[in-house]
Amino acid sequence: MELVNYFNTVYEKNFWKSSETKSGSGSERNHATIKNLTNIVIELIKKYLNTNETLILVDCPCGDFNWIDLLLSKILLETNIKKIKYYAYDIVTQIENDFNNKLIKNNNIEYNFSILDITQQIPIKADIILCKELFIHLSFNDIKKSINNFINSNSLFLICNDFENIENKELIYNNSSYGACREICLTLKPFNLNNFIICYNDYKIWKINNLQLYYDIIDMTSISLG
């Protein structure tokens, strides 16, 4: 099953059953995971990027932009960042309409959107890559492909959901698994990404140039967008 068809079907039919956003409850503005992500981004910027005036931020997958203004406005308010170049990527083609209709205009934010399959394509080089609630929906092999494409972007930092005290379980795409998810821990097998630099609740941050993957990926073709 092709991922583009899989996730477009999930989005179109609202398999995640949120009344606020088709991207699911984890993208609702008052959800705890949004607050956790906002806090860890601010911590990262203050610790490693606070001398920057411009921040290049990749959001992959971006979803329908239901909550992102909360993060972007807080970055401008609470750090030394004066301008944000925001690059949003998603595999769901319908999200392009949300990009044009939902984002709140701000002279200090440059908005960009592209359709992208992160398992096959490389995003632009960024200071920070946000990867919120993607891996919980992907197979092991597609997680590995995605991480490799983040690495190949030569970006600085990767922020992902990461859950502890679990056992990683495979996910198979089929007609009965639309919208399926499970928690993933990137520090455990088969990923073994133990060298994170910040941990905050259900998120971890890695320096991308420190990431090393100890597995082989077969038939991975990447197309650079940077």
N, C-alpha and C. Protein backbone atom coordinates (compact mmCIF):
# COMPACT_ATOMS: atom_id res chain seq x y z
N MET A 1 0.85 -1.20 0.00
CA MET A 1 0.00 0.00 0.00
C MET A 1 0.88 1.25 0.00
N GLU A 2 0.63 2.17 -0.91
CA GLU A 2 1.41 3.40 -0.98
C GLU A 2 1.04 4.33 0.18
N LEU A 3 2.07 4.91 0.79
CA LEU A 3 1.83 5.77 1.95
C LEU A 3 0.97 6.98 1.61
N VAL A 4 1.17 7.55 0.41
CA VAL A 4 0.39 8.75 0.05
C VAL A 4 -1.09 8.42 0.03
N ASN A 5 -1.48 7.27 -0.49
CA ASN A 5 -2.90 6.89 -0.51
C ASN A 5 -3.39 6.56 0.90
N TYR A 6 -2.55 5.90 1.66
CA TYR A 6 -2.90 5.51 3.03
C TYR A 6 -3.24 6.74 3.88
N PHE A 7 -2.33 7.72 3.91
CA PHE A 7 -2.53 8.88 4.78
C PHE A 7 -3.55 9.87 4.23
N ASN A 8 -3.70 9.95 2.92
CA ASN A 8 -4.76 10.78 2.37
C ASN A 8 -6.13 10.22 2.74
N THR A 9 -6.26 8.91 2.75
CA THR A 9 -7.53 8.29 3.16
C THR A 9 -7.81 8.54 4.64
N VAL A 10 -6.79 8.39 5.47
CA VAL A 10 -6.94 8.65 6.91
C VAL A 10 -7.42 10.08 7.14
N TYR A 11 -6.80 11.03 6.44
CA TYR A 11 -7.13 12.44 6.63
C TYR A 11 -8.52 12.75 6.10
N GLU A 12 -8.81 12.28 4.90
CA GLU A 12 -10.09 12.59 4.26
C GLU A 12 -11.27 12.07 5.07
N LYS A 13 -11.13 10.88 5.62
CA LYS A 13 -12.23 10.25 6.35
C LYS A 13 -12.17 10.48 7.85
N ASN A 14 -11.20 11.30 8.29
CA ASN A 14 -11.08 11.68 9.69
C ASN A 14 -11.04 10.45 10.61
N PHE A 15 -10.14 9.51 10.31
CA PHE A 15 -10.05 8.28 11.08
C PHE A 15 -9.67 8.53 12.53
N TRP A 16 -9.01 9.67 12.81
CA TRP A 16 -8.58 9.93 14.18
C TRP A 16 -9.65 10.63 15.03
N LYS A 17 -10.79 10.94 14.42
CA LYS A 17 -12.03 11.28 15.12
C LYS A 17 -11.93 12.48 16.05
N SER A 18 -11.12 13.45 15.69
CA SER A 18 -11.11 14.69 16.46
C SER A 18 -12.12 15.65 15.86
N SER A 19 -12.89 16.32 16.70
CA SER A 19 -13.85 17.31 16.22
C SER A 19 -13.17 18.65 15.92
N GLU A 20 -11.91 18.80 16.36
CA GLU A 20 -11.20 20.06 16.19
C GLU A 20 -10.27 20.06 14.98
N THR A 21 -9.65 18.91 14.69
CA THR A 21 -8.66 18.84 13.63
C THR A 21 -8.59 17.43 13.06
N LYS A 22 -8.49 17.34 11.72
CA LYS A 22 -8.35 16.03 11.08
C LYS A 22 -6.98 15.41 11.33
N SER A 23 -6.07 16.18 11.88
CA SER A 23 -4.75 15.64 12.20
C SER A 23 -4.76 14.84 13.50
N GLY A 24 -5.90 14.77 14.18
CA GLY A 24 -6.03 13.94 15.37
C GLY A 24 -5.93 14.71 16.67
N SER A 25 -6.25 14.04 17.76
CA SER A 25 -6.32 14.70 19.06
C SER A 25 -4.98 15.27 19.49
N GLY A 26 -3.87 14.67 19.04
CA GLY A 26 -2.54 15.17 19.39
C GLY A 26 -2.22 16.52 18.78
N SER A 27 -3.07 16.99 17.87
CA SER A 27 -2.91 18.32 17.29
C SER A 27 -3.95 19.31 17.79
N GLU A 28 -4.73 18.92 18.77
CA GLU A 28 -5.67 19.85 19.39
C GLU A 28 -4.90 20.86 20.25
N ARG A 29 -5.32 22.09 20.21
CA ARG A 29 -4.53 23.19 20.76
C ARG A 29 -4.26 23.05 22.26
N ASN A 30 -5.15 22.42 22.99
CA ASN A 30 -4.97 22.29 24.43
C ASN A 30 -4.41 20.94 24.86
N HIS A 31 -4.01 20.13 23.89
CA HIS A 31 -3.48 18.80 24.23
C HIS A 31 -2.12 18.94 24.92
N ALA A 32 -1.87 18.07 25.89
CA ALA A 32 -0.63 18.14 26.67
C ALA A 32 0.61 18.00 25.79
N THR A 33 0.53 17.21 24.72
CA THR A 33 1.72 17.02 23.87
C THR A 33 2.13 18.30 23.16
N ILE A 34 1.19 19.20 22.89
CA ILE A 34 1.52 20.49 22.28
C ILE A 34 2.28 21.35 23.28
N LYS A 35 1.85 21.36 24.52
CA LYS A 35 2.54 22.12 25.55
C LYS A 35 3.94 21.56 25.79
N ASN A 36 4.06 20.23 25.79
CA ASN A 36 5.38 19.61 25.99
C ASN A 36 6.32 19.96 24.84
N LEU A 37 5.81 19.89 23.61
CA LEU A 37 6.65 20.21 22.46
C LEU A 37 7.07 21.67 22.48
N THR A 38 6.16 22.56 22.78
CA THR A 38 6.49 23.98 22.86
C THR A 38 7.57 24.23 23.89
N ASN A 39 7.45 23.61 25.04
CA ASN A 39 8.44 23.81 26.10
C ASN A 39 9.82 23.30 25.71
N ILE A 40 9.89 22.14 25.05
CA ILE A 40 11.20 21.59 24.71
C ILE A 40 11.84 22.38 23.57
N VAL A 41 11.05 22.93 22.67
CA VAL A 41 11.60 23.79 21.61
C VAL A 41 12.19 25.06 22.21
N ILE A 42 11.48 25.68 23.12
CA ILE A 42 11.99 26.90 23.77
C ILE A 42 13.27 26.59 24.54
N GLU A 43 13.30 25.45 25.24
CA GLU A 43 14.51 25.05 25.98
C GLU A 43 15.69 24.87 25.03
N LEU A 44 15.45 24.22 23.90
CA LEU A 44 16.51 23.99 22.92
C LEU A 44 17.05 25.29 22.37
N ILE A 45 16.18 26.20 21.99
CA ILE A 45 16.61 27.47 21.43
C ILE A 45 17.43 28.27 22.45
N LYS A 46 16.95 28.34 23.66
CA LYS A 46 17.66 29.11 24.69
C LYS A 46 19.03 28.51 25.00
N LYS A 47 19.14 27.19 24.89
CA LYS A 47 20.40 26.54 25.25
C LYS A 47 21.41 26.52 24.10
N TYR A 48 20.92 26.38 22.85
CA TYR A 48 21.84 26.15 21.73
C TYR A 48 21.74 27.17 20.60
N LEU A 49 20.62 27.90 20.49
CA LEU A 49 20.39 28.73 19.31
C LEU A 49 20.02 30.16 19.65
N ASN A 50 20.21 30.57 20.87
CA ASN A 50 19.68 31.87 21.29
C ASN A 50 20.48 33.05 20.77
N THR A 51 21.64 32.80 20.14
CA THR A 51 22.37 33.90 19.51
C THR A 51 21.91 34.12 18.07
N ASN A 52 21.07 33.20 17.57
CA ASN A 52 20.52 33.36 16.22
C ASN A 52 19.44 34.43 16.21
N GLU A 53 19.38 35.22 15.15
CA GLU A 53 18.25 36.13 14.96
C GLU A 53 17.19 35.51 14.07
N THR A 54 17.62 34.60 13.17
CA THR A 54 16.71 33.91 12.28
C THR A 54 16.75 32.42 12.57
N LEU A 55 15.58 31.82 12.65
CA LEU A 55 15.46 30.38 12.91
C LEU A 55 14.83 29.71 11.69
N ILE A 56 15.50 28.67 11.18
CA ILE A 56 14.92 27.86 10.11
C ILE A 56 14.32 26.62 10.76
N LEU A 57 13.01 26.49 10.63
CA LEU A 57 12.26 25.45 11.33
C LEU A 57 11.53 24.58 10.32
N VAL A 58 11.82 23.28 10.31
CA VAL A 58 11.10 22.31 9.49
C VAL A 58 10.09 21.59 10.36
N ASP A 59 8.87 21.46 9.86
CA ASP A 59 7.78 20.77 10.55
C ASP A 59 7.33 19.62 9.65
N CYS A 60 7.67 18.38 10.04
CA CYS A 60 7.43 17.23 9.17
C CYS A 60 7.04 16.01 10.00
N PRO A 61 5.79 15.63 9.95
CA PRO A 61 4.69 16.14 9.14
C PRO A 61 4.01 17.31 9.84
N CYS A 62 3.53 18.26 9.06
CA CYS A 62 2.97 19.47 9.64
C CYS A 62 1.50 19.34 10.01
N GLY A 63 0.77 18.39 9.39
CA GLY A 63 -0.66 18.31 9.65
C GLY A 63 -1.38 19.54 9.14
N ASP A 64 -2.51 19.85 9.73
CA ASP A 64 -3.37 20.92 9.19
C ASP A 64 -3.15 22.27 9.86
N PHE A 65 -2.02 22.45 10.53
CA PHE A 65 -1.62 23.75 11.09
C PHE A 65 -2.55 24.23 12.21
N ASN A 66 -3.21 23.30 12.88
CA ASN A 66 -4.19 23.70 13.89
C ASN A 66 -3.56 24.38 15.09
N TRP A 67 -2.29 24.04 15.40
CA TRP A 67 -1.67 24.49 16.65
C TRP A 67 -0.36 25.27 16.46
N ILE A 68 0.20 25.27 15.26
CA ILE A 68 1.57 25.73 15.08
C ILE A 68 1.75 27.21 15.44
N ASP A 69 0.70 28.01 15.30
CA ASP A 69 0.83 29.43 15.66
C ASP A 69 1.18 29.61 17.13
N LEU A 70 0.74 28.67 17.99
CA LEU A 70 1.07 28.74 19.41
C LEU A 70 2.57 28.64 19.63
N LEU A 71 3.22 27.73 18.90
CA LEU A 71 4.66 27.56 19.02
C LEU A 71 5.41 28.73 18.42
N LEU A 72 5.06 29.13 17.22
CA LEU A 72 5.80 30.19 16.52
C LEU A 72 5.73 31.50 17.29
N SER A 73 4.56 31.84 17.80
CA SER A 73 4.42 33.09 18.54
C SER A 73 5.22 33.06 19.85
N LYS A 74 5.28 31.88 20.48
CA LYS A 74 6.03 31.77 21.74
C LYS A 74 7.52 31.87 21.49
N ILE A 75 8.01 31.32 20.37
CA ILE A 75 9.42 31.45 20.02
C ILE A 75 9.79 32.92 19.88
N LEU A 76 8.98 33.69 19.18
CA LEU A 76 9.26 35.11 18.97
C LEU A 76 9.15 35.90 20.27
N LEU A 77 8.28 35.46 21.16
CA LEU A 77 8.04 36.19 22.41
C LEU A 77 9.10 35.88 23.48
N GLU A 78 9.56 34.62 23.55
CA GLU A 78 10.35 34.19 24.70
C GLU A 78 11.83 33.93 24.39
N THR A 79 12.25 34.08 23.13
CA THR A 79 13.66 33.88 22.79
C THR A 79 14.17 35.11 22.04
N ASN A 80 15.45 35.06 21.66
CA ASN A 80 16.04 36.16 20.91
C ASN A 80 15.79 36.07 19.40
N ILE A 81 15.07 35.05 18.98
CA ILE A 81 14.75 34.90 17.56
C ILE A 81 13.86 36.05 17.08
N LYS A 82 14.28 36.69 15.98
CA LYS A 82 13.51 37.82 15.43
C LYS A 82 12.70 37.43 14.20
N LYS A 83 13.15 36.39 13.50
CA LYS A 83 12.46 35.96 12.27
C LYS A 83 12.51 34.44 12.19
N ILE A 84 11.38 33.85 11.76
CA ILE A 84 11.29 32.40 11.60
C ILE A 84 11.00 32.09 10.14
N LYS A 85 11.83 31.21 9.57
CA LYS A 85 11.54 30.65 8.25
C LYS A 85 10.97 29.25 8.49
N TYR A 86 9.68 29.14 8.29
CA TYR A 86 8.94 27.92 8.63
C TYR A 86 8.67 27.12 7.36
N TYR A 87 9.19 25.88 7.34
CA TYR A 87 9.00 24.99 6.19
C TYR A 87 8.14 23.81 6.64
N ALA A 88 6.94 23.76 6.11
CA ALA A 88 5.98 22.72 6.47
C ALA A 88 5.94 21.66 5.37
N TYR A 89 6.00 20.39 5.78
CA TYR A 89 5.96 19.28 4.84
C TYR A 89 4.92 18.27 5.30
N ASP A 90 4.19 17.71 4.35
CA ASP A 90 3.26 16.64 4.66
C ASP A 90 2.99 15.83 3.41
N ILE A 91 2.64 14.56 3.61
CA ILE A 91 2.33 13.68 2.49
C ILE A 91 0.89 13.83 2.03
N VAL A 92 0.04 14.45 2.87
CA VAL A 92 -1.39 14.59 2.57
C VAL A 92 -1.60 15.79 1.65
N THR A 93 -2.07 15.52 0.45
CA THR A 93 -2.19 16.58 -0.56
C THR A 93 -3.25 17.62 -0.20
N GLN A 94 -4.29 17.23 0.52
CA GLN A 94 -5.36 18.16 0.87
C GLN A 94 -4.89 19.26 1.83
N ILE A 95 -3.77 19.05 2.48
CA ILE A 95 -3.30 20.01 3.48
C ILE A 95 -2.88 21.32 2.83
N GLU A 96 -2.59 21.31 1.54
CA GLU A 96 -2.21 22.55 0.87
C GLU A 96 -3.31 23.61 1.00
N ASN A 97 -4.56 23.20 1.02
CA ASN A 97 -5.66 24.15 1.22
C ASN A 97 -5.62 24.75 2.62
N ASP A 98 -5.26 23.92 3.62
CA ASP A 98 -5.15 24.43 4.99
C ASP A 98 -4.02 25.44 5.10
N PHE A 99 -2.93 25.20 4.36
CA PHE A 99 -1.80 26.13 4.37
C PHE A 99 -2.25 27.51 3.92
N ASN A 100 -3.08 27.56 2.92
CA ASN A 100 -3.53 28.84 2.37
C ASN A 100 -4.60 29.50 3.23
N ASN A 101 -5.33 28.70 4.01
CA ASN A 101 -6.49 29.24 4.72
C ASN A 101 -6.32 29.39 6.22
N LYS A 102 -5.45 28.59 6.85
CA LYS A 102 -5.41 28.54 8.31
C LYS A 102 -4.30 29.36 8.94
N LEU A 103 -3.16 29.50 8.27
CA LEU A 103 -2.02 30.13 8.92
C LEU A 103 -2.26 31.61 9.18
N ILE A 104 -1.88 32.03 10.36
CA ILE A 104 -2.04 33.43 10.76
C ILE A 104 -0.84 34.23 10.26
N LYS A 105 -1.10 35.25 9.49
CA LYS A 105 -0.03 36.03 8.88
C LYS A 105 0.74 36.81 9.94
N ASN A 106 2.07 36.84 9.77
CA ASN A 106 2.95 37.55 10.69
C ASN A 106 4.17 37.99 9.90
N ASN A 107 4.50 39.28 9.99
CA ASN A 107 5.63 39.81 9.21
C ASN A 107 6.96 39.20 9.60
N ASN A 108 7.02 38.58 10.79
CA ASN A 108 8.26 37.98 11.26
C ASN A 108 8.36 36.48 10.97
N ILE A 109 7.36 35.95 10.24
CA ILE A 109 7.34 34.53 9.90
C ILE A 109 7.19 34.38 8.40
N GLU A 110 8.11 33.63 7.80
CA GLU A 110 8.04 33.29 6.38
C GLU A 110 7.51 31.87 6.27
N TYR A 111 6.34 31.70 5.68
CA TYR A 111 5.70 30.40 5.58
C TYR A 111 5.99 29.73 4.24
N ASN A 112 6.31 28.43 4.30
CA ASN A 112 6.54 27.64 3.09
C ASN A 112 5.90 26.27 3.28
N PHE A 113 5.30 25.73 2.21
CA PHE A 113 4.69 24.41 2.29
C PHE A 113 4.99 23.62 1.04
N SER A 114 5.33 22.32 1.22
CA SER A 114 5.54 21.40 0.11
C SER A 114 4.98 20.03 0.47
N ILE A 115 4.42 19.36 -0.54
CA ILE A 115 4.07 17.95 -0.38
C ILE A 115 5.37 17.16 -0.35
N LEU A 116 5.52 16.27 0.63
CA LEU A 116 6.76 15.51 0.78
C LEU A 116 6.48 14.17 1.45
N ASP A 117 7.06 13.12 0.91
CA ASP A 117 7.08 11.80 1.53
C ASP A 117 8.44 11.65 2.20
N ILE A 118 8.50 11.79 3.50
CA ILE A 118 9.77 11.80 4.20
C ILE A 118 10.48 10.46 4.12
N THR A 119 9.78 9.40 3.78
CA THR A 119 10.44 8.11 3.60
C THR A 119 11.21 8.04 2.29
N GLN A 120 10.96 8.99 1.39
CA GLN A 120 11.60 8.97 0.07
C GLN A 120 12.34 10.27 -0.27
N GLN A 121 12.10 11.35 0.45
CA GLN A 121 12.64 12.65 0.08
C GLN A 121 13.34 13.32 1.27
N ILE A 122 14.26 14.21 0.94
CA ILE A 122 15.05 14.91 1.95
C ILE A 122 14.54 16.34 2.11
N PRO A 123 14.22 16.77 3.30
CA PRO A 123 13.76 18.15 3.49
C PRO A 123 14.91 19.14 3.44
N ILE A 124 14.57 20.41 3.46
CA ILE A 124 15.57 21.46 3.43
C ILE A 124 16.41 21.44 4.72
N LYS A 125 17.63 21.92 4.64
CA LYS A 125 18.49 22.04 5.81
C LYS A 125 17.91 23.05 6.79
N ALA A 126 17.81 22.66 8.05
CA ALA A 126 17.15 23.50 9.05
C ALA A 126 17.96 23.55 10.34
N ASP A 127 17.63 24.54 11.17
CA ASP A 127 18.17 24.56 12.53
C ASP A 127 17.49 23.49 13.38
N ILE A 128 16.17 23.37 13.23
CA ILE A 128 15.39 22.41 14.00
C ILE A 128 14.42 21.70 13.06
N ILE A 129 14.36 20.38 13.19
CA ILE A 129 13.31 19.59 12.55
C ILE A 129 12.35 19.10 13.63
N LEU A 130 11.09 19.45 13.50
CA LEU A 130 10.04 18.92 14.36
C LEU A 130 9.44 17.70 13.69
N CYS A 131 9.41 16.59 14.39
CA CYS A 131 8.79 15.38 13.86
C CYS A 131 7.82 14.86 14.93
N LYS A 132 6.62 15.42 14.89
CA LYS A 132 5.62 15.13 15.93
C LYS A 132 4.65 14.05 15.46
N GLU A 133 4.60 12.97 16.22
CA GLU A 133 3.60 11.91 16.02
C GLU A 133 3.60 11.37 14.59
N LEU A 134 4.78 11.17 14.05
CA LEU A 134 4.91 10.50 12.76
C LEU A 134 5.24 9.02 12.94
N PHE A 135 6.28 8.74 13.70
CA PHE A 135 6.79 7.37 13.79
C PHE A 135 5.78 6.41 14.40
N ILE A 136 4.86 6.91 15.20
CA ILE A 136 3.84 6.03 15.78
C ILE A 136 2.94 5.43 14.71
N HIS A 137 2.95 6.02 13.51
CA HIS A 137 2.10 5.56 12.41
C HIS A 137 2.87 4.83 11.31
N LEU A 138 4.20 4.68 11.46
CA LEU A 138 5.02 4.10 10.40
C LEU A 138 5.57 2.73 10.79
N SER A 139 5.85 1.92 9.77
CA SER A 139 6.54 0.65 9.98
C SER A 139 7.98 0.92 10.39
N PHE A 140 8.65 -0.09 10.93
CA PHE A 140 10.05 0.06 11.32
C PHE A 140 10.90 0.54 10.14
N ASN A 141 10.72 -0.07 8.99
CA ASN A 141 11.55 0.27 7.85
C ASN A 141 11.31 1.71 7.40
N ASP A 142 10.07 2.16 7.44
CA ASP A 142 9.78 3.54 7.05
C ASP A 142 10.28 4.54 8.09
N ILE A 143 10.30 4.14 9.35
CA ILE A 143 10.91 4.99 10.37
C ILE A 143 12.40 5.17 10.07
N LYS A 144 13.07 4.07 9.76
CA LYS A 144 14.50 4.13 9.45
C LYS A 144 14.78 4.99 8.23
N LYS A 145 13.97 4.83 7.19
CA LYS A 145 14.13 5.65 6.00
C LYS A 145 13.97 7.14 6.33
N SER A 146 12.96 7.44 7.14
CA SER A 146 12.70 8.84 7.50
C SER A 146 13.86 9.44 8.28
N ILE A 147 14.37 8.69 9.25
CA ILE A 147 15.49 9.20 10.04
C ILE A 147 16.71 9.43 9.16
N ASN A 148 16.96 8.53 8.23
CA ASN A 148 18.08 8.73 7.32
C ASN A 148 17.91 9.99 6.48
N ASN A 149 16.70 10.27 6.05
CA ASN A 149 16.48 11.48 5.26
C ASN A 149 16.60 12.74 6.11
N PHE A 150 16.23 12.67 7.37
CA PHE A 150 16.50 13.79 8.28
C PHE A 150 18.01 13.99 8.42
N ILE A 151 18.74 12.90 8.59
CA ILE A 151 20.19 12.99 8.70
C ILE A 151 20.80 13.59 7.43
N ASN A 152 20.32 13.15 6.29
CA ASN A 152 20.87 13.61 5.01
C ASN A 152 20.52 15.06 4.69
N SER A 153 19.62 15.65 5.45
CA SER A 153 19.32 17.07 5.26
C SER A 153 20.43 17.97 5.81
N ASN A 154 21.32 17.39 6.64
CA ASN A 154 22.39 18.15 7.29
C ASN A 154 21.86 19.23 8.22
N SER A 155 20.68 19.01 8.74
CA SER A 155 20.12 19.94 9.72
C SER A 155 20.82 19.78 11.07
N LEU A 156 20.49 20.66 12.01
CA LEU A 156 21.21 20.67 13.29
C LEU A 156 20.57 19.78 14.35
N PHE A 157 19.26 19.94 14.57
CA PHE A 157 18.60 19.23 15.67
C PHE A 157 17.32 18.56 15.18
N LEU A 158 17.04 17.38 15.75
CA LEU A 158 15.81 16.64 15.47
C LEU A 158 15.04 16.45 16.77
N ILE A 159 13.78 16.84 16.75
CA ILE A 159 12.89 16.66 17.90
C ILE A 159 11.80 15.67 17.52
N CYS A 160 11.67 14.59 18.32
CA CYS A 160 10.68 13.55 18.04
C CYS A 160 9.96 13.15 19.32
N ASN A 161 8.73 12.67 19.16
CA ASN A 161 8.10 11.93 20.24
C ASN A 161 8.94 10.71 20.56
N ASP A 162 9.06 10.38 21.81
CA ASP A 162 9.78 9.17 22.18
C ASP A 162 9.24 8.68 23.51
N PHE A 163 8.82 7.45 23.55
CA PHE A 163 8.13 6.90 24.71
C PHE A 163 9.00 5.86 25.39
N GLU A 164 9.01 5.88 26.70
CA GLU A 164 9.86 4.97 27.47
C GLU A 164 9.03 3.87 28.11
N ASN A 165 9.73 2.85 28.60
CA ASN A 165 9.10 1.72 29.29
C ASN A 165 8.10 0.99 28.41
N ILE A 166 8.48 0.81 27.13
CA ILE A 166 7.64 0.08 26.20
C ILE A 166 8.50 -0.92 25.44
N GLU A 167 7.85 -1.77 24.67
CA GLU A 167 8.52 -2.65 23.72
C GLU A 167 8.08 -2.25 22.33
N ASN A 168 9.02 -1.97 21.45
CA ASN A 168 8.67 -1.56 20.10
C ASN A 168 7.97 -2.69 19.35
N LYS A 169 6.87 -2.35 18.70
CA LYS A 169 6.10 -3.33 17.94
C LYS A 169 5.96 -2.86 16.50
N GLU A 170 6.04 -3.78 15.58
CA GLU A 170 5.92 -3.48 14.16
C GLU A 170 4.49 -3.05 13.82
N LEU A 171 4.36 -2.27 12.75
CA LEU A 171 3.06 -1.87 12.24
C LEU A 171 2.99 -2.25 10.77
N ILE A 172 1.91 -2.92 10.39
CA ILE A 172 1.70 -3.37 9.02
C ILE A 172 0.58 -2.53 8.41
N TYR A 173 0.83 -1.96 7.22
CA TYR A 173 -0.20 -1.19 6.54
C TYR A 173 -1.14 -2.14 5.79
N ASN A 174 -2.42 -2.02 6.04
CA ASN A 174 -3.42 -2.75 5.27
C ASN A 174 -4.77 -2.06 5.41
N ASN A 175 -5.78 -2.59 4.78
CA ASN A 175 -7.09 -1.93 4.76
C ASN A 175 -7.77 -1.89 6.11
N SER A 176 -7.30 -2.69 7.05
CA SER A 176 -7.90 -2.68 8.39
C SER A 176 -7.07 -1.88 9.40
N SER A 177 -5.97 -1.26 8.92
CA SER A 177 -5.09 -0.55 9.86
C SER A 177 -5.12 0.96 9.68
N TYR A 178 -6.06 1.49 8.91
CA TYR A 178 -6.12 2.93 8.68
C TYR A 178 -6.17 3.68 10.02
N GLY A 179 -5.24 4.60 10.21
CA GLY A 179 -5.20 5.38 11.43
C GLY A 179 -4.54 4.69 12.60
N ALA A 180 -4.03 3.47 12.37
CA ALA A 180 -3.44 2.72 13.47
C ALA A 180 -2.17 3.40 13.98
N CYS A 181 -1.91 3.24 15.27
CA CYS A 181 -0.69 3.79 15.85
C CYS A 181 -0.30 2.97 17.07
N ARG A 182 0.95 3.12 17.47
CA ARG A 182 1.44 2.56 18.72
C ARG A 182 2.63 3.40 19.15
N GLU A 183 2.97 3.35 20.41
CA GLU A 183 4.10 4.14 20.89
C GLU A 183 5.41 3.54 20.38
N ILE A 184 6.38 4.43 20.15
CA ILE A 184 7.70 4.03 19.65
C ILE A 184 8.78 4.63 20.57
N CYS A 185 9.80 3.83 20.85
CA CYS A 185 10.96 4.30 21.60
C CYS A 185 12.19 4.18 20.71
N LEU A 186 12.76 5.31 20.32
CA LEU A 186 13.89 5.32 19.40
C LEU A 186 15.21 4.91 20.06
N THR A 187 15.23 4.87 21.39
CA THR A 187 16.46 4.46 22.06
C THR A 187 16.58 2.94 22.17
N LEU A 188 15.52 2.22 21.79
CA LEU A 188 15.52 0.76 21.86
C LEU A 188 15.67 0.15 20.48
N LYS A 189 15.88 -1.16 20.41
CA LYS A 189 15.94 -1.87 19.15
C LYS A 189 14.61 -1.72 18.42
N PRO A 190 14.63 -1.61 17.09
CA PRO A 190 15.77 -1.74 16.17
C PRO A 190 16.43 -0.41 15.80
N PHE A 191 16.23 0.64 16.62
CA PHE A 191 16.73 1.98 16.25
C PHE A 191 17.99 2.36 17.02
N ASN A 192 17.98 2.17 18.33
CA ASN A 192 19.19 2.34 19.15
C ASN A 192 19.77 3.74 19.11
N LEU A 193 18.93 4.74 19.12
CA LEU A 193 19.40 6.14 19.08
C LEU A 193 19.48 6.66 20.52
N ASN A 194 20.56 6.32 21.18
CA ASN A 194 20.68 6.61 22.61
C ASN A 194 21.31 7.96 22.93
N ASN A 195 21.90 8.60 21.94
CA ASN A 195 22.69 9.80 22.23
C ASN A 195 21.89 11.09 22.11
N PHE A 196 20.70 11.11 22.72
CA PHE A 196 19.89 12.33 22.74
C PHE A 196 20.51 13.33 23.72
N ILE A 197 20.18 14.61 23.54
CA ILE A 197 20.78 15.65 24.38
C ILE A 197 19.79 16.28 25.35
N ILE A 198 18.50 16.20 25.04
CA ILE A 198 17.47 16.75 25.92
C ILE A 198 16.29 15.78 25.92
N CYS A 199 15.72 15.55 27.09
CA CYS A 199 14.52 14.74 27.23
C CYS A 199 13.50 15.53 28.04
N TYR A 200 12.29 15.63 27.51
CA TYR A 200 11.23 16.36 28.22
C TYR A 200 9.92 15.63 28.01
N ASN A 201 9.44 14.98 29.06
CA ASN A 201 8.20 14.20 28.98
C ASN A 201 8.25 13.24 27.80
N ASP A 202 7.37 13.40 26.81
CA ASP A 202 7.31 12.44 25.71
C ASP A 202 8.07 12.90 24.47
N TYR A 203 9.08 13.76 24.65
CA TYR A 203 9.91 14.21 23.53
C TYR A 203 11.39 14.07 23.87
N LYS A 204 12.18 13.83 22.83
CA LYS A 204 13.63 13.86 22.95
C LYS A 204 14.22 14.66 21.79
N ILE A 205 15.44 15.18 22.01
CA ILE A 205 16.15 15.94 20.99
C ILE A 205 17.50 15.29 20.74
N TRP A 206 17.82 15.17 19.45
CA TRP A 206 19.13 14.66 19.04
C TRP A 206 19.85 15.71 18.21
N LYS A 207 21.18 15.81 18.36
CA LYS A 207 22.00 16.52 17.39
C LYS A 207 22.13 15.62 16.17
N ILE A 208 21.73 16.13 15.03
CA ILE A 208 21.66 15.27 13.85
C ILE A 208 23.03 14.78 13.42
N ASN A 209 24.07 15.62 13.58
CA ASN A 209 25.40 15.14 13.15
C ASN A 209 25.97 14.08 14.07
N ASN A 210 25.30 13.81 15.20
CA ASN A 210 25.72 12.74 16.09
C ASN A 210 24.96 11.44 15.88
N LEU A 211 23.90 11.51 15.06
CA LEU A 211 23.07 10.32 14.88
C LEU A 211 23.80 9.29 14.00
N GLN A 212 23.78 8.07 14.45
CA GLN A 212 24.33 6.98 13.65
C GLN A 212 23.35 5.82 13.71
N LEU A 213 23.02 5.30 12.54
CA LEU A 213 22.07 4.19 12.48
C LEU A 213 22.82 2.89 12.18
N TYR A 214 22.47 1.85 12.89
CA TYR A 214 23.18 0.59 12.78
C TYR A 214 22.33 -0.46 12.08
N TYR A 215 21.82 -0.11 10.94
CA TYR A 215 21.05 -1.06 10.16
C TYR A 215 21.16 -0.69 8.70
N ASP A 216 20.81 -1.60 7.83
CA ASP A 216 20.84 -1.39 6.40
C ASP A 216 19.42 -1.13 5.90
N ILE A 217 19.31 -0.22 4.95
CA ILE A 217 18.03 0.06 4.32
C ILE A 217 18.16 -0.29 2.84
N ILE A 218 17.24 -1.08 2.38
CA ILE A 218 17.30 -1.57 1.02
C ILE A 218 16.41 -0.74 0.11
N ASP A 219 16.91 -0.42 -1.07
CA ASP A 219 16.10 0.25 -2.12
C ASP A 219 15.60 1.61 -1.65
N MET A 220 16.40 2.37 -0.94
CA MET A 220 16.01 3.71 -0.54
C MET A 220 16.56 4.73 -1.52
N THR A 221 15.66 5.42 -2.23
CA THR A 221 16.06 6.47 -3.15
C THR A 221 15.58 7.79 -2.61
N SER A 222 16.49 8.74 -2.39
CA SER A 222 16.14 10.03 -1.81
C SER A 222 16.26 11.12 -2.87
N ILE A 223 15.31 12.04 -2.81
CA ILE A 223 15.31 13.19 -3.72
C ILE A 223 15.45 14.44 -2.88
N SER A 224 16.52 15.18 -3.06
CA SER A 224 16.76 16.36 -2.24
C SER A 224 15.87 17.52 -2.66
N LEU A 225 15.23 18.16 -1.67
CA LEU A 225 14.43 19.36 -1.94
C LEU A 225 15.17 20.61 -1.53
N GLY A 226 16.36 20.46 -0.95
CA GLY A 226 17.09 21.62 -0.45
C GLY A 226 17.99 22.18 -1.51
